[in-house]
Protein backbone atom coordinates (compact mmCIF):
# COMPACT_ATOMS: atom_id res chain seq x y z
CA MET A 1 86.90 58.99 87.08
CA ARG A 2 89.26 61.40 87.96
CA SER A 3 91.16 61.28 84.39
CA SER A 4 87.67 61.86 82.44
CA LEU A 5 87.17 65.15 85.16
CA PHE A 6 90.64 65.84 84.34
CA LEU A 7 90.21 65.72 80.38
CA LEU A 8 86.91 67.62 80.92
CA PHE A 9 88.26 70.28 83.07
CA ILE A 10 91.38 70.78 80.58
CA SER A 11 89.00 70.79 77.33
CA ALA A 12 86.96 73.53 78.89
CA SER A 13 89.88 75.61 79.52
CA VAL A 14 90.99 75.47 75.83
CA LEU A 15 87.54 76.06 74.68
CA VAL A 16 87.72 79.07 76.90
CA THR A 17 90.89 80.22 75.49
CA VAL A 18 89.96 79.67 72.34
CA PHE A 19 86.91 81.37 72.07
CA SER A 20 87.50 84.77 74.35
CA GLU A 21 87.57 87.75 72.56
CA LYS A 22 90.96 89.67 71.72
CA CYS A 23 91.59 93.54 71.66
CA ASN A 24 94.93 95.34 70.80
CA HIS A 25 96.33 98.07 73.24
CA GLY A 26 93.31 98.73 75.78
CA ASP A 27 90.84 99.44 73.26
CA SER A 28 87.68 97.73 74.15
CA THR A 29 85.59 99.00 70.54
CA GLY A 30 85.79 95.75 69.13
CA CYS A 31 84.75 93.78 72.40
CA SER A 32 81.21 92.40 71.59
CA ASN A 33 81.08 90.49 75.68
CA GLN A 34 78.84 91.93 77.65
CA CYS A 35 78.89 92.49 81.98
CA THR A 36 76.63 91.19 83.90
CA ASN A 37 77.75 93.28 86.94
CA ALA A 38 76.02 96.85 86.51
CA ASN A 39 79.57 98.13 88.72
CA GLU A 40 81.61 96.74 85.38
CA VAL A 41 81.62 97.81 82.01
CA VAL A 42 83.73 95.62 79.45
CA GLY A 43 87.53 96.74 79.01
CA CYS A 44 90.81 95.61 77.39
CA GLU A 45 93.30 94.01 80.10
CA HIS A 46 96.45 91.98 78.41
CA ASP A 47 94.88 91.88 75.06
CA THR A 48 91.91 90.12 76.31
CA CYS A 49 88.32 91.59 76.17
CA THR A 50 87.25 91.56 79.65
CA CYS A 51 84.66 92.79 82.68
CA VAL A 52 86.50 95.85 84.45
CA PRO A 53 85.10 98.13 87.00
CA THR A 54 83.20 100.97 86.01
CA PRO A 55 85.60 104.06 85.81
CA GLN A 56 84.91 106.97 88.70
CA ALA A 57 84.42 110.17 86.93
CA CYS A 58 86.98 113.28 88.09
CA ILE A 59 88.55 116.69 87.42
CA LEU A 60 91.19 116.53 90.43
CA GLY A 61 93.35 113.82 91.21
CA ALA A 62 91.95 114.43 95.19
CA ASP A 63 88.58 113.03 93.60
CA CYS A 64 90.48 109.59 93.44
CA ALA A 65 91.70 109.30 97.17
CA GLY A 66 88.67 107.65 98.62
CA LEU A 67 88.67 104.02 95.91
CA GLY A 68 91.06 102.68 98.05
CA THR A 69 93.84 100.36 96.56
CA CYS A 70 94.44 99.39 93.08
CA PRO A 71 94.37 95.57 92.05
CA LYS A 72 98.29 95.88 91.35
CA HIS A 73 99.90 97.04 94.73
CA ASP A 74 102.89 99.31 92.64
CA GLU A 75 99.85 101.20 91.50
CA SER A 76 97.51 103.87 92.74
CA TYR A 77 94.22 105.80 91.38
CA HIS A 78 95.33 109.14 89.40
CA CYS A 79 92.81 111.34 87.65
CA VAL A 80 93.18 110.52 83.67
CA ASP A 81 91.26 112.11 80.90
CA GLY A 82 88.24 112.93 83.58
CA ALA A 83 88.58 108.97 84.83
CA CYS A 84 90.24 107.41 88.14
CA LYS A 85 92.67 104.85 86.71
CA CYS A 86 95.22 102.86 88.60
CA GLN A 87 98.85 103.62 87.40
CA LYS A 88 101.92 103.24 88.48
CA PRO A 89 102.98 106.62 90.14
């Protein structure tokens, strides 16, 4: 029973890996998947199409101050191309 569950898990993992969409260098224009959360948009992270938080519009760096912390602890929010994005300082 345990071995069959283990094999099922491995098979599902392989299928997800094989069928996940690929993208290049942060360009998500070729991604066809859709996000179900209203606060997310399709993005490209680590060359894989995925759902990412909707960017907060900004004009100045101060516009990004209230967004909290970035997922990666060595990054912080910066205003880049009119949107708050996590980047290394």
